[in-house]
Amino acid sequence: MNNPLIQFIKARRRTLGLTQKDLADRAGVGLRFIRDMEQGKTSLRLDKVNQVLLLFGHRMEPVAYRLEVNDETR
């Protein structure tokens, strides 16, 4: 899956030598949540995602995003 969040969490977890269970325990979330997140489940609780990211010194937040508009297709 080409999802930056999933890639980030898996890479950090593996770099630290953590199993999914280790990560779940340290973040205070369930193992199922970690599995769902790493498998790309599309509906996750943001507060729980932030609990996991906090272990790596990160958090989800709004960022500027602008779709490119092709004026020729109007």
PDB file of N, CA and C in Angstrom:
ATOM      1  N   MET A   1       0.855  -1.187   0.000  1.00  0.00           N
ATOM      2  CA  MET A   1       0.000   0.000   0.000  1.00  0.00           C
ATOM      3  C   MET A   1       0.885   1.229   0.000  1.00  0.00           C
ATOM      4  N   ASN A   2       0.513   2.225  -0.778  1.00  0.00           N
ATOM      5  CA  ASN A   2       1.300   3.444  -0.926  1.00  0.00           C
ATOM      6  C   ASN A   2       0.709   4.569  -0.078  1.00  0.00           C
ATOM      7  N   ASN A   3       0.540   4.330   1.195  1.00  0.00           N
ATOM      8  CA  ASN A   3      -0.012   5.317   2.110  1.00  0.00           C
ATOM      9  C   ASN A   3       1.116   5.812   3.004  1.00  0.00           C
ATOM     10  N   PRO A   4       1.416   7.121   2.972  1.00  0.00           N
ATOM     11  CA  PRO A   4       2.545   7.644   3.756  1.00  0.00           C
ATOM     12  C   PRO A   4       2.431   7.365   5.259  1.00  0.00           C
ATOM     13  N   LEU A   5       1.228   7.399   5.806  1.00  0.00           N
ATOM     14  CA  LEU A   5       1.057   7.129   7.234  1.00  0.00           C
ATOM     15  C   LEU A   5       1.430   5.687   7.556  1.00  0.00           C
ATOM     16  N   ILE A   6       0.940   4.758   6.761  1.00  0.00           N
ATOM     17  CA  ILE A   6       1.233   3.343   6.979  1.00  0.00           C
ATOM     18  C   ILE A   6       2.733   3.083   6.827  1.00  0.00           C
ATOM     19  N   GLN A   7       3.326   3.628   5.772  1.00  0.00           N
ATOM     20  CA  GLN A   7       4.751   3.436   5.543  1.00  0.00           C
ATOM     21  C   GLN A   7       5.567   3.992   6.706  1.00  0.00           C
ATOM     22  N   PHE A   8       5.191   5.163   7.202  1.00  0.00           N
ATOM     23  CA  PHE A   8       5.907   5.794   8.309  1.00  0.00           C
ATOM     24  C   PHE A   8       5.840   4.925   9.568  1.00  0.00           C
ATOM     25  N   ILE A   9       4.650   4.501   9.927  1.00  0.00           N
ATOM     26  CA  ILE A   9       4.483   3.739  11.160  1.00  0.00           C
ATOM     27  C   ILE A   9       5.193   2.387  11.079  1.00  0.00           C
ATOM     28  N   LYS A  10       5.038   1.693   9.964  1.00  0.00           N
ATOM     29  CA  LYS A  10       5.721   0.403   9.815  1.00  0.00           C
ATOM     30  C   LYS A  10       7.235   0.571   9.886  1.00  0.00           C
ATOM     31  N   ALA A  11       7.744   1.576   9.190  1.00  0.00           N
ATOM     32  CA  ALA A  11       9.196   1.794   9.165  1.00  0.00           C
ATOM     33  C   ALA A  11       9.727   2.124  10.556  1.00  0.00           C
ATOM     34  N   ARG A  12       9.043   3.010  11.261  1.00  0.00           N
ATOM     35  CA  ARG A  12       9.494   3.374  12.610  1.00  0.00           C
ATOM     36  C   ARG A  12       9.404   2.178  13.558  1.00  0.00           C
ATOM     37  N   ARG A  13       8.327   1.438  13.464  1.00  0.00           N
ATOM     38  CA  ARG A  13       8.159   0.271  14.331  1.00  0.00           C
ATOM     39  C   ARG A  13       9.281  -0.728  14.095  1.00  0.00           C
ATOM     40  N   ARG A  14       9.567  -0.992  12.831  1.00  0.00           N
ATOM     41  CA  ARG A  14      10.604  -1.967  12.490  1.00  0.00           C
ATOM     42  C   ARG A  14      12.003  -1.461  12.873  1.00  0.00           C
ATOM     43  N   THR A  15      12.251  -0.176  12.671  1.00  0.00           N
ATOM     44  CA  THR A  15      13.536   0.410  13.044  1.00  0.00           C
ATOM     45  C   THR A  15      13.801   0.234  14.534  1.00  0.00           C
ATOM     46  N   LEU A  16      12.753   0.376  15.335  1.00  0.00           N
ATOM     47  CA  LEU A  16      12.884   0.220  16.783  1.00  0.00           C
ATOM     48  C   LEU A  16      12.810  -1.233  17.233  1.00  0.00           C
ATOM     49  N   GLY A  17      12.597  -2.145  16.281  1.00  0.00           N
ATOM     50  CA  GLY A  17      12.541  -3.564  16.604  1.00  0.00           C
ATOM     51  C   GLY A  17      11.309  -3.956  17.398  1.00  0.00           C
ATOM     52  N   LEU A  18      10.206  -3.225  17.166  1.00  0.00           N
ATOM     53  CA  LEU A  18       8.967  -3.495  17.886  1.00  0.00           C
ATOM     54  C   LEU A  18       8.054  -4.408  17.077  1.00  0.00           C
ATOM     55  N   THR A  19       7.399  -5.315  17.758  1.00  0.00           N
ATOM     56  CA  THR A  19       6.332  -6.079  17.119  1.00  0.00           C
ATOM     57  C   THR A  19       5.085  -5.202  17.124  1.00  0.00           C
ATOM     58  N   GLN A  20       4.064  -5.637  16.400  1.00  0.00           N
ATOM     59  CA  GLN A  20       2.800  -4.900  16.447  1.00  0.00           C
ATOM     60  C   GLN A  20       2.256  -4.879  17.875  1.00  0.00           C
ATOM     61  N   LYS A  21       2.398  -5.974  18.590  1.00  0.00           N
ATOM     62  CA  LYS A  21       1.932  -6.041  19.983  1.00  0.00           C
ATOM     63  C   LYS A  21       2.706  -5.073  20.865  1.00  0.00           C
ATOM     64  N   ASP A  22       4.028  -5.014  20.692  1.00  0.00           N
ATOM     65  CA  ASP A  22       4.839  -4.061  21.452  1.00  0.00           C
ATOM     66  C   ASP A  22       4.357  -2.633  21.223  1.00  0.00           C
ATOM     67  N   LEU A  23       4.135  -2.299  19.960  1.00  0.00           N
ATOM     68  CA  LEU A  23       3.686  -0.947  19.618  1.00  0.00           C
ATOM     69  C   LEU A  23       2.333  -0.667  20.240  1.00  0.00           C
ATOM     70  N   ALA A  24       1.428  -1.607  20.136  1.00  0.00           N
ATOM     71  CA  ALA A  24       0.097  -1.429  20.721  1.00  0.00           C
ATOM     72  C   ALA A  24       0.187  -1.201  22.234  1.00  0.00           C
ATOM     73  N   ASP A  25       0.992  -2.004  22.897  1.00  0.00           N
ATOM     74  CA  ASP A  25       1.149  -1.868  24.347  1.00  0.00           C
ATOM     75  C   ASP A  25       1.742  -0.515  24.719  1.00  0.00           C
ATOM     76  N   ARG A  26       2.776  -0.109  24.031  1.00  0.00           N
ATOM     77  CA  ARG A  26       3.433   1.168  24.342  1.00  0.00           C
ATOM     78  C   ARG A  26       2.549   2.367  24.038  1.00  0.00           C
ATOM     79  N   ALA A  27       1.725   2.255  22.997  1.00  0.00           N
ATOM     80  CA  ALA A  27       0.847   3.369  22.619  1.00  0.00           C
ATOM     81  C   ALA A  27      -0.451   3.383  23.416  1.00  0.00           C
ATOM     82  N   GLY A  28      -0.751   2.281  24.076  1.00  0.00           N
ATOM     83  CA  GLY A  28      -1.993   2.210  24.833  1.00  0.00           C
ATOM     84  C   GLY A  28      -3.218   1.998  23.967  1.00  0.00           C
ATOM     85  N   VAL A  29      -3.010   1.311  22.849  1.00  0.00           N
ATOM     86  CA  VAL A  29      -4.126   0.972  21.959  1.00  0.00           C
ATOM     87  C   VAL A  29      -4.145  -0.544  21.801  1.00  0.00           C
ATOM     88  N   GLY A  30      -5.192  -1.057  21.219  1.00  0.00           N
ATOM     89  CA  GLY A  30      -5.303  -2.492  21.028  1.00  0.00           C
ATOM     90  C   GLY A  30      -4.478  -2.984  19.851  1.00  0.00           C
ATOM     91  N   LEU A  31      -4.097  -4.247  19.933  1.00  0.00           N
ATOM     92  CA  LEU A  31      -3.355  -4.873  18.841  1.00  0.00           C
ATOM     93  C   LEU A  31      -4.155  -4.824  17.547  1.00  0.00           C
ATOM     94  N   ARG A  32      -5.449  -5.037  17.647  1.00  0.00           N
ATOM     95  CA  ARG A  32      -6.299  -4.992  16.448  1.00  0.00           C
ATOM     96  C   ARG A  32      -6.216  -3.621  15.762  1.00  0.00           C
ATOM     97  N   PHE A  33      -6.157  -2.553  16.556  1.00  0.00           N
ATOM     98  CA  PHE A  33      -6.048  -1.211  15.968  1.00  0.00           C
ATOM     99  C   PHE A  33      -4.759  -1.083  15.158  1.00  0.00           C
ATOM    100  N   ILE A  34      -3.639  -1.556  15.712  1.00  0.00           N
ATOM    101  CA  ILE A  34      -2.363  -1.490  14.995  1.00  0.00           C
ATOM    102  C   ILE A  34      -2.435  -2.306  13.714  1.00  0.00           C
ATOM    103  N   ARG A  35      -3.001  -3.495  13.803  1.00  0.00           N
ATOM    104  CA  ARG A  35      -3.132  -4.329  12.598  1.00  0.00           C
ATOM    105  C   ARG A  35      -4.001  -3.648  11.546  1.00  0.00           C
ATOM    106  N   ASP A  36      -5.135  -3.114  11.984  1.00  0.00           N
ATOM    107  CA  ASP A  36      -6.024  -2.417  11.042  1.00  0.00           C
ATOM    108  C   ASP A  36      -5.303  -1.245  10.385  1.00  0.00           C
ATOM    109  N   MET A  37      -4.577  -0.486  11.184  1.00  0.00           N
ATOM    110  CA  MET A  37      -3.881   0.685  10.658  1.00  0.00           C
ATOM    111  C   MET A  37      -2.823   0.268   9.645  1.00  0.00           C
ATOM    112  N   GLU A  38      -2.032  -0.729   9.978  1.00  0.00           N
ATOM    113  CA  GLU A  38      -0.963  -1.154   9.069  1.00  0.00           C
ATOM    114  C   GLU A  38      -1.497  -1.858   7.827  1.00  0.00           C
ATOM    115  N   GLN A  39      -2.727  -2.335   7.879  1.00  0.00           N
ATOM    116  CA  GLN A  39      -3.322  -2.969   6.698  1.00  0.00           C
ATOM    117  C   GLN A  39      -4.115  -1.964   5.859  1.00  0.00           C
ATOM    118  N   GLY A  40      -4.142  -0.709   6.279  1.00  0.00           N
ATOM    119  CA  GLY A  40      -4.753   0.328   5.464  1.00  0.00           C
ATOM    120  C   GLY A  40      -6.235   0.544   5.667  1.00  0.00           C
ATOM    121  N   LYS A  41      -6.751   0.160   6.835  1.00  0.00           N
ATOM    122  CA  LYS A  41      -8.165   0.408   7.095  1.00  0.00           C
ATOM    123  C   LYS A  41      -8.438   1.901   6.900  1.00  0.00           C
ATOM    124  N   THR A  42      -9.505   2.207   6.202  1.00  0.00           N
ATOM    125  CA  THR A  42      -9.755   3.595   5.817  1.00  0.00           C
ATOM    126  C   THR A  42     -10.451   4.420   6.884  1.00  0.00           C
ATOM    127  N   SER A  43     -11.027   3.792   7.888  1.00  0.00           N
ATOM    128  CA  SER A  43     -11.694   4.568   8.936  1.00  0.00           C
ATOM    129  C   SER A  43     -11.062   4.235  10.287  1.00  0.00           C
ATOM    130  N   LEU A  44     -10.223   5.140  10.742  1.00  0.00           N
ATOM    131  CA  LEU A  44      -9.530   4.978  12.019  1.00  0.00           C
ATOM    132  C   LEU A  44      -9.811   6.189  12.892  1.00  0.00           C
ATOM    133  N   ARG A  45      -9.811   5.986  14.191  1.00  0.00           N
ATOM    134  CA  ARG A  45      -9.995   7.097  15.120  1.00  0.00           C
ATOM    135  C   ARG A  45      -8.717   7.928  15.176  1.00  0.00           C
ATOM    136  N   LEU A  46      -8.862   9.214  14.900  1.00  0.00           N
ATOM    137  CA  LEU A  46      -7.708  10.099  14.855  1.00  0.00           C
ATOM    138  C   LEU A  46      -7.005  10.177  16.207  1.00  0.00           C
ATOM    139  N   ASP A  47      -7.750  10.147  17.303  1.00  0.00           N
ATOM    140  CA  ASP A  47      -7.097  10.215  18.612  1.00  0.00           C
ATOM    141  C   ASP A  47      -6.188   9.007  18.836  1.00  0.00           C
ATOM    142  N   LYS A  48      -6.595   7.854  18.355  1.00  0.00           N
ATOM    143  CA  LYS A  48      -5.763   6.659  18.506  1.00  0.00           C
ATOM    144  C   LYS A  48      -4.557   6.705  17.566  1.00  0.00           C
ATOM    145  N   VAL A  49      -4.755   7.218  16.355  1.00  0.00           N
ATOM    146  CA  VAL A  49      -3.625   7.382  15.436  1.00  0.00           C
ATOM    147  C   VAL A  49      -2.594   8.290  16.088  1.00  0.00           C
ATOM    148  N   ASN A  50      -3.048   9.374  16.709  1.00  0.00           N
ATOM    149  CA  ASN A  50      -2.124  10.291  17.362  1.00  0.00           C
ATOM    150  C   ASN A  50      -1.444   9.658  18.575  1.00  0.00           C
ATOM    151  N   GLN A  51      -2.113   8.754  19.267  1.00  0.00           N
ATOM    152  CA  GLN A  51      -1.471   8.036  20.372  1.00  0.00           C
ATOM    153  C   GLN A  51      -0.268   7.251  19.865  1.00  0.00           C
ATOM    154  N   VAL A  52      -0.430   6.622  18.714  1.00  0.00           N
ATOM    155  CA  VAL A  52       0.657   5.844  18.130  1.00  0.00           C
ATOM    156  C   VAL A  52       1.761   6.780  17.639  1.00  0.00           C
ATOM    157  N   LEU A  53       1.392   7.817  16.920  1.00  0.00           N
ATOM    158  CA  LEU A  53       2.390   8.738  16.370  1.00  0.00           C
ATOM    159  C   LEU A  53       3.176   9.454  17.457  1.00  0.00           C
ATOM    160  N   LEU A  54       2.552   9.693  18.596  1.00  0.00           N
ATOM    161  CA  LEU A  54       3.213  10.377  19.705  1.00  0.00           C
ATOM    162  C   LEU A  54       4.476   9.632  20.141  1.00  0.00           C
ATOM    163  N   LEU A  55       4.462   8.317  20.052  1.00  0.00           N
ATOM    164  CA  LEU A  55       5.651   7.532  20.402  1.00  0.00           C
ATOM    165  C   LEU A  55       6.843   7.876  19.525  1.00  0.00           C
ATOM    166  N   PHE A  56       6.577   8.355  18.320  1.00  0.00           N
ATOM    167  CA  PHE A  56       7.630   8.698  17.369  1.00  0.00           C
ATOM    168  C   PHE A  56       7.852  10.207  17.276  1.00  0.00           C
ATOM    169  N   GLY A  57       7.216  10.949  18.184  1.00  0.00           N
ATOM    170  CA  GLY A  57       7.388  12.400  18.191  1.00  0.00           C
ATOM    171  C   GLY A  57       6.625  13.120  17.087  1.00  0.00           C
ATOM    172  N   HIS A  58       5.534  12.538  16.624  1.00  0.00           N
ATOM    173  CA  HIS A  58       4.736  13.126  15.542  1.00  0.00           C
ATOM    174  C   HIS A  58       3.258  13.146  15.917  1.00  0.00           C
ATOM    175  N   ARG A  59       2.469  13.834  15.106  1.00  0.00           N
ATOM    176  CA  ARG A  59       1.021  13.827  15.240  1.00  0.00           C
ATOM    177  C   ARG A  59       0.403  14.211  13.902  1.00  0.00           C
ATOM    178  N   MET A  60      -0.850  13.803  13.737  1.00  0.00           N
ATOM    179  CA  MET A  60      -1.589  14.179  12.528  1.00  0.00           C
ATOM    180  C   MET A  60      -2.115  15.593  12.735  1.00  0.00           C
ATOM    181  N   GLU A  61      -2.028  16.394  11.702  1.00  0.00           N
ATOM    182  CA  GLU A  61      -2.577  17.748  11.771  1.00  0.00           C
ATOM    183  C   GLU A  61      -2.878  18.237  10.360  1.00  0.00           C
ATOM    184  N   PRO A  62      -3.687  19.256  10.254  1.00  0.00           N
ATOM    185  CA  PRO A  62      -4.011  19.772   8.924  1.00  0.00           C
ATOM    186  C   PRO A  62      -2.776  20.359   8.234  1.00  0.00           C
ATOM    187  N   VAL A  63      -2.677  20.086   6.969  1.00  0.00           N
ATOM    188  CA  VAL A  63      -1.626  20.687   6.153  1.00  0.00           C
ATOM    189  C   VAL A  63      -2.278  21.267   4.916  1.00  0.00           C
ATOM    190  N   ALA A  64      -1.659  22.271   4.369  1.00  0.00           N
ATOM    191  CA  ALA A  64      -2.196  22.899   3.164  1.00  0.00           C
ATOM    192  C   ALA A  64      -2.152  21.895   2.015  1.00  0.00           C
ATOM    193  N   TYR A  65      -3.217  21.868   1.262  1.00  0.00           N
ATOM    194  CA  TYR A  65      -3.305  20.955   0.135  1.00  0.00           C
ATOM    195  C   TYR A  65      -4.118  21.655  -0.938  1.00  0.00           C
ATOM    196  N   ARG A  66      -3.590  21.702  -2.127  1.00  0.00           N
ATOM    197  CA  ARG A  66      -4.293  22.366  -3.217  1.00  0.00           C
ATOM    198  C   ARG A  66      -4.278  21.467  -4.435  1.00  0.00           C
ATOM    199  N   LEU A  67      -5.443  21.128  -4.907  1.00  0.00           N
ATOM    200  CA  LEU A  67      -5.540  20.367  -6.146  1.00  0.00           C
ATOM    201  C   LEU A  67      -5.205  21.278  -7.308  1.00  0.00           C
ATOM    202  N   GLU A  68      -4.448  20.753  -8.234  1.00  0.00           N
ATOM    203  CA  GLU A  68      -4.157  21.507  -9.432  1.00  0.00           C
ATOM    204  C   GLU A  68      -5.386  21.516 -10.319  1.00  0.00           C
ATOM    205  N   VAL A  69      -5.772  22.671 -10.728  1.00  0.00           N
ATOM    206  CA  VAL A  69      -6.950  22.811 -11.589  1.00  0.00           C
ATOM    207  C   VAL A  69      -6.475  23.051 -13.015  1.00  0.00           C
ATOM    208  N   ASN A  70      -6.944  22.204 -13.905  1.00  0.00           N
ATOM    209  CA  ASN A  70      -6.600  22.348 -15.309  1.00  0.00           C
ATOM    210  C   ASN A  70      -7.693  23.175 -15.964  1.00  0.00           C
ATOM    211  N   ASP A  71      -7.402  24.413 -16.284  1.00  0.00           N
ATOM    212  CA  ASP A  71      -8.399  25.327 -16.841  1.00  0.00           C
ATOM    213  C   ASP A  71      -8.951  24.861 -18.176  1.00  0.00           C
ATOM    214  N   GLU A  72      -8.214  24.024 -18.893  1.00  0.00           N
ATOM    215  CA  GLU A  72      -8.668  23.560 -20.189  1.00  0.00           C
ATOM    216  C   GLU A  72      -9.834  22.566 -20.085  1.00  0.00           C
ATOM    217  N   THR A  73     -10.031  21.958 -18.919  1.00  0.00           N
ATOM    218  CA  THR A  73     -11.090  20.966 -18.797  1.00  0.00           C
ATOM    219  C   THR A  73     -12.392  21.582 -18.363  1.00  0.00           C
ATOM    220  N   ARG A  74     -12.428  22.842 -18.135  1.00  0.00           N
ATOM    221  CA  ARG A  74     -13.670  23.508 -17.695  1.00  0.00           C
ATOM    222  C   ARG A  74     -14.579  23.783 -18.851  1.00  0.00           C
TER     223      ARG A  74
END
